Amino acid sequence: GPEIDRRATLGNPKAFKFTKPKVDGLNF
């Protein structure tokens, strides 16, 4: 997690698209 967070500040957040899971209500 911390390394992804660090590298995320250096990259383009919209470079690659990942689909968000579809879950009803407030569950994840």
mmCIF file of all heavy atoms, coordinates in Angstrom:
data_MODEL
# 
_entry.id   MODEL 
# 
loop_
_atom_site.group_PDB 
_atom_site.id 
_atom_site.type_symbol 
_atom_site.label_atom_id 
_atom_site.label_alt_id 
_atom_site.label_comp_id 
_atom_site.label_asym_id 
_atom_site.label_entity_id 
_atom_site.label_seq_id 
_atom_site.pdbx_PDB_ins_code 
_atom_site.Cartn_x 
_atom_site.Cartn_y 
_atom_site.Cartn_z 
_atom_site.occupancy 
_atom_site.B_iso_or_equiv 
_atom_site.pdbx_formal_charge 
_atom_site.auth_seq_id 
_atom_site.auth_comp_id 
_atom_site.auth_asym_id 
_atom_site.auth_atom_id 
_atom_site.pdbx_PDB_model_num 
ATOM 1   N N   . GLY A 1 1  ? 0.786   -1.229 0.000   1.00 0.00 ? 1  GLY A N   1 
ATOM 2   C CA  . GLY A 1 1  ? 0.000   0.000  0.000   1.00 0.00 ? 1  GLY A CA  1 
ATOM 3   C C   . GLY A 1 1  ? 0.818   1.279  0.000   1.00 0.00 ? 1  GLY A C   1 
ATOM 4   O O   . GLY A 1 1  ? 0.600   2.161  -0.851  1.00 0.00 ? 1  GLY A O   1 
ATOM 5   N N   . PRO A 1 2  ? 1.760   1.437  0.932   1.00 0.00 ? 2  PRO A N   1 
ATOM 6   C CA  . PRO A 1 2  ? 2.552   2.671  0.972   1.00 0.00 ? 2  PRO A CA  1 
ATOM 7   C C   . PRO A 1 2  ? 3.353   2.909  -0.308  1.00 0.00 ? 2  PRO A C   1 
ATOM 8   O O   . PRO A 1 2  ? 3.495   4.047  -0.755  1.00 0.00 ? 2  PRO A O   1 
ATOM 9   C CB  . PRO A 1 2  ? 3.477   2.455  2.177   1.00 0.00 ? 2  PRO A CB  1 
ATOM 10  C CG  . PRO A 1 2  ? 2.726   1.500  3.053   1.00 0.00 ? 2  PRO A CG  1 
ATOM 11  C CD  . PRO A 1 2  ? 2.022   0.578  2.113   1.00 0.00 ? 2  PRO A CD  1 
ATOM 12  N N   . GLU A 1 3  ? 3.873   1.829  -0.917  1.00 0.00 ? 3  GLU A N   1 
ATOM 13  C CA  . GLU A 1 3  ? 4.659   1.982  -2.140  1.00 0.00 ? 3  GLU A CA  1 
ATOM 14  C C   . GLU A 1 3  ? 3.772   2.357  -3.325  1.00 0.00 ? 3  GLU A C   1 
ATOM 15  O O   . GLU A 1 3  ? 4.147   3.186  -4.164  1.00 0.00 ? 3  GLU A O   1 
ATOM 16  C CB  . GLU A 1 3  ? 5.423   0.684  -2.443  1.00 0.00 ? 3  GLU A CB  1 
ATOM 17  C CG  . GLU A 1 3  ? 6.291   0.720  -3.694  1.00 0.00 ? 3  GLU A CG  1 
ATOM 18  C CD  . GLU A 1 3  ? 7.433   1.732  -3.640  1.00 0.00 ? 3  GLU A CD  1 
ATOM 19  O OE1 . GLU A 1 3  ? 7.687   2.317  -2.560  1.00 0.00 ? 3  GLU A OE1 1 
ATOM 20  O OE2 . GLU A 1 3  ? 8.076   1.934  -4.684  1.00 0.00 ? 3  GLU A OE2 1 
ATOM 21  N N   . ILE A 1 4  ? 2.579   1.763  -3.402  1.00 0.00 ? 4  ILE A N   1 
ATOM 22  C CA  . ILE A 1 4  ? 1.632   2.143  -4.456  1.00 0.00 ? 4  ILE A CA  1 
ATOM 23  C C   . ILE A 1 4  ? 1.245   3.612  -4.296  1.00 0.00 ? 4  ILE A C   1 
ATOM 24  O O   . ILE A 1 4  ? 1.173   4.367  -5.273  1.00 0.00 ? 4  ILE A O   1 
ATOM 25  C CB  . ILE A 1 4  ? 0.382   1.235  -4.420  1.00 0.00 ? 4  ILE A CB  1 
ATOM 26  C CG1 . ILE A 1 4  ? 0.747   -0.177 -4.890  1.00 0.00 ? 4  ILE A CG1 1 
ATOM 27  C CG2 . ILE A 1 4  ? -0.735  1.814  -5.295  1.00 0.00 ? 4  ILE A CG2 1 
ATOM 28  C CD1 . ILE A 1 4  ? -0.402  -1.172 -4.822  1.00 0.00 ? 4  ILE A CD1 1 
ATOM 29  N N   . ASP A 1 5  ? 1.019   4.027  -3.060  1.00 0.00 ? 5  ASP A N   1 
ATOM 30  C CA  . ASP A 1 5  ? 0.658   5.419  -2.778  1.00 0.00 ? 5  ASP A CA  1 
ATOM 31  C C   . ASP A 1 5  ? 1.774   6.363  -3.220  1.00 0.00 ? 5  ASP A C   1 
ATOM 32  O O   . ASP A 1 5  ? 1.534   7.397  -3.851  1.00 0.00 ? 5  ASP A O   1 
ATOM 33  C CB  . ASP A 1 5  ? 0.379   5.574  -1.280  1.00 0.00 ? 5  ASP A CB  1 
ATOM 34  C CG  . ASP A 1 5  ? -0.143  6.962  -0.926  1.00 0.00 ? 5  ASP A CG  1 
ATOM 35  O OD1 . ASP A 1 5  ? -0.723  7.637  -1.812  1.00 0.00 ? 5  ASP A OD1 1 
ATOM 36  O OD2 . ASP A 1 5  ? 0.011   7.369  0.236   1.00 0.00 ? 5  ASP A OD2 1 
ATOM 37  N N   . ARG A 1 6  ? 3.006   5.992  -2.905  1.00 0.00 ? 6  ARG A N   1 
ATOM 38  C CA  . ARG A 1 6  ? 4.149   6.839  -3.269  1.00 0.00 ? 6  ARG A CA  1 
ATOM 39  C C   . ARG A 1 6  ? 4.281   6.956  -4.788  1.00 0.00 ? 6  ARG A C   1 
ATOM 40  O O   . ARG A 1 6  ? 4.456   8.051  -5.332  1.00 0.00 ? 6  ARG A O   1 
ATOM 41  C CB  . ARG A 1 6  ? 5.442   6.257  -2.685  1.00 0.00 ? 6  ARG A CB  1 
ATOM 42  C CG  . ARG A 1 6  ? 6.674   7.125  -2.900  1.00 0.00 ? 6  ARG A CG  1 
ATOM 43  C CD  . ARG A 1 6  ? 7.935   6.453  -2.400  1.00 0.00 ? 6  ARG A CD  1 
ATOM 44  N NE  . ARG A 1 6  ? 8.344   5.358  -3.278  1.00 0.00 ? 6  ARG A NE  1 
ATOM 45  C CZ  . ARG A 1 6  ? 9.017   5.529  -4.426  1.00 0.00 ? 6  ARG A CZ  1 
ATOM 46  N NH1 . ARG A 1 6  ? 9.330   6.751  -4.832  1.00 0.00 ? 6  ARG A NH1 1 
ATOM 47  N NH2 . ARG A 1 6  ? 9.377   4.488  -5.142  1.00 0.00 ? 6  ARG A NH2 1 
ATOM 48  N N   . ARG A 1 7  ? 4.178   5.827  -5.471  1.00 0.00 ? 7  ARG A N   1 
ATOM 49  C CA  . ARG A 1 7  ? 4.330   5.832  -6.929  1.00 0.00 ? 7  ARG A CA  1 
ATOM 50  C C   . ARG A 1 7  ? 3.138   6.491  -7.617  1.00 0.00 ? 7  ARG A C   1 
ATOM 51  O O   . ARG A 1 7  ? 3.285   7.065  -8.706  1.00 0.00 ? 7  ARG A O   1 
ATOM 52  C CB  . ARG A 1 7  ? 4.530   4.407  -7.441  1.00 0.00 ? 7  ARG A CB  1 
ATOM 53  C CG  . ARG A 1 7  ? 5.890   3.820  -7.071  1.00 0.00 ? 7  ARG A CG  1 
ATOM 54  C CD  . ARG A 1 7  ? 6.116   2.467  -7.710  1.00 0.00 ? 7  ARG A CD  1 
ATOM 55  N NE  . ARG A 1 7  ? 7.483   1.999  -7.489  1.00 0.00 ? 7  ARG A NE  1 
ATOM 56  C CZ  . ARG A 1 7  ? 8.535   2.334  -8.240  1.00 0.00 ? 7  ARG A CZ  1 
ATOM 57  N NH1 . ARG A 1 7  ? 8.338   3.153  -9.291  1.00 0.00 ? 7  ARG A NH1 1 
ATOM 58  N NH2 . ARG A 1 7  ? 9.727   1.872  -7.986  1.00 0.00 ? 7  ARG A NH2 1 
ATOM 59  N N   . ALA A 1 8  ? 1.966   6.398  -6.977  1.00 0.00 ? 8  ALA A N   1 
ATOM 60  C CA  . ALA A 1 8  ? 0.764   7.001  -7.568  1.00 0.00 ? 8  ALA A CA  1 
ATOM 61  C C   . ALA A 1 8  ? 0.914   8.505  -7.732  1.00 0.00 ? 8  ALA A C   1 
ATOM 62  O O   . ALA A 1 8  ? 0.356   9.105  -8.663  1.00 0.00 ? 8  ALA A O   1 
ATOM 63  C CB  . ALA A 1 8  ? -0.456  6.682  -6.711  1.00 0.00 ? 8  ALA A CB  1 
ATOM 64  N N   . THR A 1 9  ? 1.667   9.131  -6.836  1.00 0.00 ? 9  THR A N   1 
ATOM 65  C CA  . THR A 1 9  ? 1.874   10.583 -6.915  1.00 0.00 ? 9  THR A CA  1 
ATOM 66  C C   . THR A 1 9  ? 2.743   10.965 -8.114  1.00 0.00 ? 9  THR A C   1 
ATOM 67  O O   . THR A 1 9  ? 2.788   12.129 -8.518  1.00 0.00 ? 9  THR A O   1 
ATOM 68  C CB  . THR A 1 9  ? 2.535   11.118 -5.632  1.00 0.00 ? 9  THR A CB  1 
ATOM 69  O OG1 . THR A 1 9  ? 3.840   10.517 -5.484  1.00 0.00 ? 9  THR A OG1 1 
ATOM 70  C CG2 . THR A 1 9  ? 1.698   10.782 -4.402  1.00 0.00 ? 9  THR A CG2 1 
ATOM 71  N N   . LEU A 1 10 ? 3.441   9.966  -8.686  1.00 0.00 ? 10 LEU A N   1 
ATOM 72  C CA  . LEU A 1 10 ? 4.348   10.219 -9.811  1.00 0.00 ? 10 LEU A CA  1 
ATOM 73  C C   . LEU A 1 10 ? 3.749   9.810  -11.154 1.00 0.00 ? 10 LEU A C   1 
ATOM 74  O O   . LEU A 1 10 ? 4.343   10.073 -12.197 1.00 0.00 ? 10 LEU A O   1 
ATOM 75  C CB  . LEU A 1 10 ? 5.668   9.448  -9.604  1.00 0.00 ? 10 LEU A CB  1 
ATOM 76  C CG  . LEU A 1 10 ? 6.401   9.684  -8.283  1.00 0.00 ? 10 LEU A CG  1 
ATOM 77  C CD1 . LEU A 1 10 ? 7.574   8.726  -8.156  1.00 0.00 ? 10 LEU A CD1 1 
ATOM 78  C CD2 . LEU A 1 10 ? 6.872   11.133 -8.201  1.00 0.00 ? 10 LEU A CD2 1 
ATOM 79  N N   . GLY A 1 11 ? 2.573   9.152  -11.113 1.00 0.00 ? 11 GLY A N   1 
ATOM 80  C CA  . GLY A 1 11 ? 1.998   8.624  -12.343 1.00 0.00 ? 11 GLY A CA  1 
ATOM 81  C C   . GLY A 1 11 ? 0.706   9.295  -12.758 1.00 0.00 ? 11 GLY A C   1 
ATOM 82  O O   . GLY A 1 11 ? 0.192   10.192 -12.078 1.00 0.00 ? 11 GLY A O   1 
ATOM 83  N N   . ASN A 1 12 ? 0.173   8.834  -13.883 1.00 0.00 ? 12 ASN A N   1 
ATOM 84  C CA  . ASN A 1 12 ? -1.086  9.337  -14.437 1.00 0.00 ? 12 ASN A CA  1 
ATOM 85  C C   . ASN A 1 12 ? -2.227  8.432  -13.987 1.00 0.00 ? 12 ASN A C   1 
ATOM 86  O O   . ASN A 1 12 ? -2.286  7.262  -14.388 1.00 0.00 ? 12 ASN A O   1 
ATOM 87  C CB  . ASN A 1 12 ? -1.003  9.360  -15.970 1.00 0.00 ? 12 ASN A CB  1 
ATOM 88  C CG  . ASN A 1 12 ? -2.309  9.773  -16.625 1.00 0.00 ? 12 ASN A CG  1 
ATOM 89  O OD1 . ASN A 1 12 ? -3.258  10.193 -15.956 1.00 0.00 ? 12 ASN A OD1 1 
ATOM 90  N ND2 . ASN A 1 12 ? -2.373  9.644  -17.939 1.00 0.00 ? 12 ASN A ND2 1 
ATOM 91  N N   . PRO A 1 13 ? -3.146  8.920  -13.167 1.00 0.00 ? 13 PRO A N   1 
ATOM 92  C CA  . PRO A 1 13 ? -4.216  8.076  -12.633 1.00 0.00 ? 13 PRO A CA  1 
ATOM 93  C C   . PRO A 1 13 ? -5.209  7.592  -13.681 1.00 0.00 ? 13 PRO A C   1 
ATOM 94  O O   . PRO A 1 13 ? -5.989  6.670  -13.422 1.00 0.00 ? 13 PRO A O   1 
ATOM 95  C CB  . PRO A 1 13 ? -4.901  8.987  -11.609 1.00 0.00 ? 13 PRO A CB  1 
ATOM 96  C CG  . PRO A 1 13 ? -4.596  10.374 -12.069 1.00 0.00 ? 13 PRO A CG  1 
ATOM 97  C CD  . PRO A 1 13 ? -3.231  10.300 -12.657 1.00 0.00 ? 13 PRO A CD  1 
ATOM 98  N N   . LYS A 1 14 ? -5.186  8.196  -14.853 1.00 0.00 ? 14 LYS A N   1 
ATOM 99  C CA  . LYS A 1 14 ? -6.129  7.802  -15.906 1.00 0.00 ? 14 LYS A CA  1 
ATOM 100 C C   . LYS A 1 14 ? -5.429  7.113  -17.078 1.00 0.00 ? 14 LYS A C   1 
ATOM 101 O O   . LYS A 1 14 ? -5.989  6.980  -18.167 1.00 0.00 ? 14 LYS A O   1 
ATOM 102 C CB  . LYS A 1 14 ? -6.908  9.025  -16.386 1.00 0.00 ? 14 LYS A CB  1 
ATOM 103 C CG  . LYS A 1 14 ? -7.770  9.639  -15.285 1.00 0.00 ? 14 LYS A CG  1 
ATOM 104 C CD  . LYS A 1 14 ? -8.606  10.797 -15.795 1.00 0.00 ? 14 LYS A CD  1 
ATOM 105 C CE  . LYS A 1 14 ? -9.461  11.382 -14.669 1.00 0.00 ? 14 LYS A CE  1 
ATOM 106 N NZ  . LYS A 1 14 ? -10.286 12.521 -15.106 1.00 0.00 ? 14 LYS A NZ  1 
ATOM 107 N N   . ALA A 1 15 ? -4.209  6.647  -16.830 1.00 0.00 ? 15 ALA A N   1 
ATOM 108 C CA  . ALA A 1 15 ? -3.443  5.976  -17.883 1.00 0.00 ? 15 ALA A CA  1 
ATOM 109 C C   . ALA A 1 15 ? -4.090  4.654  -18.275 1.00 0.00 ? 15 ALA A C   1 
ATOM 110 O O   . ALA A 1 15 ? -4.129  4.287  -19.454 1.00 0.00 ? 15 ALA A O   1 
ATOM 111 C CB  . ALA A 1 15 ? -2.006  5.752  -17.428 1.00 0.00 ? 15 ALA A CB  1 
ATOM 112 N N   . PHE A 1 16 ? -4.581  3.922  -17.276 1.00 0.00 ? 16 PHE A N   1 
ATOM 113 C CA  . PHE A 1 16 ? -5.209  2.627  -17.524 1.00 0.00 ? 16 PHE A CA  1 
ATOM 114 C C   . PHE A 1 16 ? -6.546  2.568  -16.784 1.00 0.00 ? 16 PHE A C   1 
ATOM 115 O O   . PHE A 1 16 ? -6.645  3.019  -15.652 1.00 0.00 ? 16 PHE A O   1 
ATOM 116 C CB  . PHE A 1 16 ? -4.298  1.483  -17.059 1.00 0.00 ? 16 PHE A CB  1 
ATOM 117 C CG  . PHE A 1 16 ? -2.913  1.548  -17.651 1.00 0.00 ? 16 PHE A CG  1 
ATOM 118 C CD1 . PHE A 1 16 ? -1.828  1.964  -16.877 1.00 0.00 ? 16 PHE A CD1 1 
ATOM 119 C CD2 . PHE A 1 16 ? -2.690  1.229  -18.985 1.00 0.00 ? 16 PHE A CD2 1 
ATOM 120 C CE1 . PHE A 1 16 ? -0.554  2.045  -17.411 1.00 0.00 ? 16 PHE A CE1 1 
ATOM 121 C CE2 . PHE A 1 16 ? -1.411  1.313  -19.539 1.00 0.00 ? 16 PHE A CE2 1 
ATOM 122 C CZ  . PHE A 1 16 ? -0.347  1.723  -18.752 1.00 0.00 ? 16 PHE A CZ  1 
ATOM 123 N N   . LYS A 1 17 ? -7.538  1.998  -17.430 1.00 0.00 ? 17 LYS A N   1 
ATOM 124 C CA  . LYS A 1 17 ? -8.881  1.976  -16.845 1.00 0.00 ? 17 LYS A CA  1 
ATOM 125 C C   . LYS A 1 17 ? -9.200  0.592  -16.295 1.00 0.00 ? 17 LYS A C   1 
ATOM 126 O O   . LYS A 1 17 ? -9.076  -0.412 -16.991 1.00 0.00 ? 17 LYS A O   1 
ATOM 127 C CB  . LYS A 1 17 ? -9.922  2.365  -17.900 1.00 0.00 ? 17 LYS A CB  1 
ATOM 128 C CG  . LYS A 1 17 ? -11.347 2.463  -17.351 1.00 0.00 ? 17 LYS A CG  1 
ATOM 129 C CD  . LYS A 1 17 ? -12.298 2.971  -18.415 1.00 0.00 ? 17 LYS A CD  1 
ATOM 130 C CE  . LYS A 1 17 ? -13.737 3.005  -17.937 1.00 0.00 ? 17 LYS A CE  1 
ATOM 131 N NZ  . LYS A 1 17 ? -13.930 3.870  -16.761 1.00 0.00 ? 17 LYS A NZ  1 
ATOM 132 N N   . PHE A 1 18 ? -9.592  0.552  -15.015 1.00 0.00 ? 18 PHE A N   1 
ATOM 133 C CA  . PHE A 1 18 ? -10.034 -0.685 -14.383 1.00 0.00 ? 18 PHE A CA  1 
ATOM 134 C C   . PHE A 1 18 ? -11.512 -0.540 -14.028 1.00 0.00 ? 18 PHE A C   1 
ATOM 135 O O   . PHE A 1 18 ? -11.940 0.489  -13.506 1.00 0.00 ? 18 PHE A O   1 
ATOM 136 C CB  . PHE A 1 18 ? -9.224  -0.976 -13.121 1.00 0.00 ? 18 PHE A CB  1 
ATOM 137 C CG  . PHE A 1 18 ? -7.758  -1.198 -13.378 1.00 0.00 ? 18 PHE A CG  1 
ATOM 138 C CD1 . PHE A 1 18 ? -6.825  -0.213 -13.069 1.00 0.00 ? 18 PHE A CD1 1 
ATOM 139 C CD2 . PHE A 1 18 ? -7.315  -2.373 -13.960 1.00 0.00 ? 18 PHE A CD2 1 
ATOM 140 C CE1 . PHE A 1 18 ? -5.476  -0.403 -13.311 1.00 0.00 ? 18 PHE A CE1 1 
ATOM 141 C CE2 . PHE A 1 18 ? -5.954  -2.576 -14.212 1.00 0.00 ? 18 PHE A CE2 1 
ATOM 142 C CZ  . PHE A 1 18 ? -5.046  -1.593 -13.888 1.00 0.00 ? 18 PHE A CZ  1 
ATOM 143 N N   . THR A 1 19 ? -12.272 -1.582 -14.312 1.00 0.00 ? 19 THR A N   1 
ATOM 144 C CA  . THR A 1 19 ? -13.705 -1.545 -14.040 1.00 0.00 ? 19 THR A CA  1 
ATOM 145 C C   . THR A 1 19 ? -13.977 -1.627 -12.541 1.00 0.00 ? 19 THR A C   1 
ATOM 146 O O   . THR A 1 19 ? -13.372 -2.435 -11.832 1.00 0.00 ? 19 THR A O   1 
ATOM 147 C CB  . THR A 1 19 ? -14.423 -2.724 -14.741 1.00 0.00 ? 19 THR A CB  1 
ATOM 148 O OG1 . THR A 1 19 ? -14.140 -2.653 -16.138 1.00 0.00 ? 19 THR A OG1 1 
ATOM 149 C CG2 . THR A 1 19 ? -15.930 -2.658 -14.525 1.00 0.00 ? 19 THR A CG2 1 
ATOM 150 N N   . LYS A 1 20 ? -14.899 -0.800 -12.063 1.00 0.00 ? 20 LYS A N   1 
ATOM 151 C CA  . LYS A 1 20 ? -15.305 -0.856 -10.656 1.00 0.00 ? 20 LYS A CA  1 
ATOM 152 C C   . LYS A 1 20 ? -16.313 -1.995 -10.467 1.00 0.00 ? 20 LYS A C   1 
ATOM 153 O O   . LYS A 1 20 ? -17.262 -2.107 -11.255 1.00 0.00 ? 20 LYS A O   1 
ATOM 154 C CB  . LYS A 1 20 ? -15.946 0.462  -10.219 1.00 0.00 ? 20 LYS A CB  1 
ATOM 155 C CG  . LYS A 1 20 ? -15.026 1.662  -10.258 1.00 0.00 ? 20 LYS A CG  1 
ATOM 156 C CD  . LYS A 1 20 ? -15.789 2.926  -9.877  1.00 0.00 ? 20 LYS A CD  1 
ATOM 157 C CE  . LYS A 1 20 ? -14.919 4.166  -9.994  1.00 0.00 ? 20 LYS A CE  1 
ATOM 158 N NZ  . LYS A 1 20 ? -15.687 5.404  -9.697  1.00 0.00 ? 20 LYS A NZ  1 
ATOM 159 N N   . PRO A 1 21 ? -16.146 -2.821 -9.433  1.00 0.00 ? 21 PRO A N   1 
ATOM 160 C CA  . PRO A 1 21 ? -17.108 -3.893 -9.173  1.00 0.00 ? 21 PRO A CA  1 
ATOM 161 C C   . PRO A 1 21 ? -18.497 -3.320 -8.894  1.00 0.00 ? 21 PRO A C   1 
ATOM 162 O O   . PRO A 1 21 ? -18.629 -2.294 -8.231  1.00 0.00 ? 21 PRO A O   1 
ATOM 163 C CB  . PRO A 1 21 ? -16.544 -4.585 -7.928  1.00 0.00 ? 21 PRO A CB  1 
ATOM 164 C CG  . PRO A 1 21 ? -15.102 -4.205 -7.900  1.00 0.00 ? 21 PRO A CG  1 
ATOM 165 C CD  . PRO A 1 21 ? -15.039 -2.836 -8.482  1.00 0.00 ? 21 PRO A CD  1 
ATOM 166 N N   . LYS A 1 22 ? -19.528 -3.975 -9.412  1.00 0.00 ? 22 LYS A N   1 
ATOM 167 C CA  . LYS A 1 22 ? -20.899 -3.534 -9.178  1.00 0.00 ? 22 LYS A CA  1 
ATOM 168 C C   . LYS A 1 22 ? -21.475 -4.301 -7.993  1.00 0.00 ? 22 LYS A C   1 
ATOM 169 O O   . LYS A 1 22 ? -21.733 -5.505 -8.088  1.00 0.00 ? 22 LYS A O   1 
ATOM 170 C CB  . LYS A 1 22 ? -21.742 -3.744 -10.434 1.00 0.00 ? 22 LYS A CB  1 
ATOM 171 C CG  . LYS A 1 22 ? -21.380 -2.813 -11.587 1.00 0.00 ? 22 LYS A CG  1 
ATOM 172 C CD  . LYS A 1 22 ? -22.280 -3.059 -12.785 1.00 0.00 ? 22 LYS A CD  1 
ATOM 173 C CE  . LYS A 1 22 ? -22.072 -1.996 -13.865 1.00 0.00 ? 22 LYS A CE  1 
ATOM 174 N NZ  . LYS A 1 22 ? -20.694 -1.965 -14.368 1.00 0.00 ? 22 LYS A NZ  1 
ATOM 175 N N   . VAL A 1 23 ? -21.655 -3.612 -6.885  1.00 0.00 ? 23 VAL A N   1 
ATOM 176 C CA  . VAL A 1 23 ? -22.203 -4.216 -5.669  1.00 0.00 ? 23 VAL A CA  1 
ATOM 177 C C   . VAL A 1 23 ? -23.350 -3.348 -5.187  1.00 0.00 ? 23 VAL A C   1 
ATOM 178 O O   . VAL A 1 23 ? -23.201 -2.134 -5.037  1.00 0.00 ? 23 VAL A O   1 
ATOM 179 C CB  . VAL A 1 23 ? -21.130 -4.325 -4.558  1.00 0.00 ? 23 VAL A CB  1 
ATOM 180 C CG1 . VAL A 1 23 ? -21.691 -5.055 -3.345  1.00 0.00 ? 23 VAL A CG1 1 
ATOM 181 C CG2 . VAL A 1 23 ? -19.896 -5.044 -5.081  1.00 0.00 ? 23 VAL A CG2 1 
ATOM 182 N N   . ASP A 1 24 ? -24.498 -3.961 -4.952  1.00 0.00 ? 24 ASP A N   1 
ATOM 183 C CA  . ASP A 1 24 ? -25.676 -3.209 -4.536  1.00 0.00 ? 24 ASP A CA  1 
ATOM 184 C C   . ASP A 1 24 ? -25.498 -2.576 -3.156  1.00 0.00 ? 24 ASP A C   1 
ATOM 185 O O   . ASP A 1 24 ? -24.767 -3.102 -2.308  1.00 0.00 ? 24 ASP A O   1 
ATOM 186 C CB  . ASP A 1 24 ? -26.909 -4.117 -4.513  1.00 0.00 ? 24 ASP A CB  1 
ATOM 187 C CG  . ASP A 1 24 ? -27.335 -4.546 -5.917  1.00 0.00 ? 24 ASP A CG  1 
ATOM 188 O OD1 . ASP A 1 24 ? -26.986 -3.824 -6.870  1.00 0.00 ? 24 ASP A OD1 1 
ATOM 189 O OD2 . ASP A 1 24 ? -27.988 -5.591 -6.046  1.00 0.00 ? 24 ASP A OD2 1 
ATOM 190 N N   . GLY A 1 25 ? -26.202 -1.492 -2.936  1.00 0.00 ? 25 GLY A N   1 
ATOM 191 C CA  . GLY A 1 25 ? -26.224 -0.858 -1.621  1.00 0.00 ? 25 GLY A CA  1 
ATOM 192 C C   . GLY A 1 25 ? -24.884 -0.285 -1.219  1.00 0.00 ? 25 GLY A C   1 
ATOM 193 O O   . GLY A 1 25 ? -24.106 0.208  -2.043  1.00 0.00 ? 25 GLY A O   1 
ATOM 194 N N   . LEU A 1 26 ? -24.577 -0.389 0.071   1.00 0.00 ? 26 LEU A N   1 
ATOM 195 C CA  . LEU A 1 26 ? -23.371 0.218  0.625   1.00 0.00 ? 26 LEU A CA  1 
ATOM 196 C C   . LEU A 1 26 ? -22.235 -0.778 0.827   1.00 0.00 ? 26 LEU A C   1 
ATOM 197 O O   . LEU A 1 26 ? -21.201 -0.432 1.394   1.00 0.00 ? 26 LEU A O   1 
ATOM 198 C CB  . LEU A 1 26 ? -23.711 0.899  1.958   1.00 0.00 ? 26 LEU A CB  1 
ATOM 199 C CG  . LEU A 1 26 ? -24.708 2.059  1.864   1.00 0.00 ? 26 LEU A CG  1 
ATOM 200 C CD1 . LEU A 1 26 ? -25.063 2.583  3.251   1.00 0.00 ? 26 LEU A CD1 1 
ATOM 201 C CD2 . LEU A 1 26 ? -24.170 3.185  0.986   1.00 0.00 ? 26 LEU A CD2 1 
ATOM 202 N N   . ASN A 1 27 ? -22.429 -2.011 0.380   1.00 0.00 ? 27 ASN A N   1 
ATOM 203 C CA  . ASN A 1 27 ? -21.373 -3.016 0.527   1.00 0.00 ? 27 ASN A CA  1 
ATOM 204 C C   . ASN A 1 27 ? -20.286 -2.842 -0.526  1.00 0.00 ? 27 ASN A C   1 
ATOM 205 O O   . ASN A 1 27 ? -20.494 -2.226 -1.574  1.00 0.00 ? 27 ASN A O   1 
ATOM 206 C CB  . ASN A 1 27 ? -21.958 -4.426 0.456   1.00 0.00 ? 27 ASN A CB  1 
ATOM 207 C CG  . ASN A 1 27 ? -22.726 -4.793 1.713   1.00 0.00 ? 27 ASN A CG  1 
ATOM 208 O OD1 . ASN A 1 27 ? -22.479 -4.233 2.788   1.00 0.00 ? 27 ASN A OD1 1 
ATOM 209 N ND2 . ASN A 1 27 ? -23.649 -5.724 1.602   1.00 0.00 ? 27 ASN A ND2 1 
ATOM 210 N N   . PHE A 1 28 ? -19.123 -3.418 -0.234  1.00 0.00 ? 28 PHE A N   1 
ATOM 211 C CA  . PHE A 1 28 ? -17.960 -3.328 -1.105  1.00 0.00 ? 28 PHE A CA  1 
ATOM 212 C C   . PHE A 1 28 ? -17.557 -4.717 -1.597  1.00 0.00 ? 28 PHE A C   1 
ATOM 213 O O   . PHE A 1 28 ? -17.848 -5.722 -0.951  1.00 0.00 ? 28 PHE A O   1 
ATOM 214 C CB  . PHE A 1 28 ? -16.749 -2.745 -0.352  1.00 0.00 ? 28 PHE A CB  1 
ATOM 215 C CG  . PHE A 1 28 ? -16.944 -1.366 0.192   1.00 0.00 ? 28 PHE A CG  1 
ATOM 216 C CD1 . PHE A 1 28 ? -17.535 -1.170 1.438   1.00 0.00 ? 28 PHE A CD1 1 
ATOM 217 C CD2 . PHE A 1 28 ? -16.511 -0.257 -0.509  1.00 0.00 ? 28 PHE A CD2 1 
ATOM 218 C CE1 . PHE A 1 28 ? -17.699 0.099  1.967   1.00 0.00 ? 28 PHE A CE1 1 
ATOM 219 C CE2 . PHE A 1 28 ? -16.666 1.022  0.006   1.00 0.00 ? 28 PHE A CE2 1 
ATOM 220 C CZ  . PHE A 1 28 ? -17.261 1.199  1.245   1.00 0.00 ? 28 PHE A CZ  1 
# 
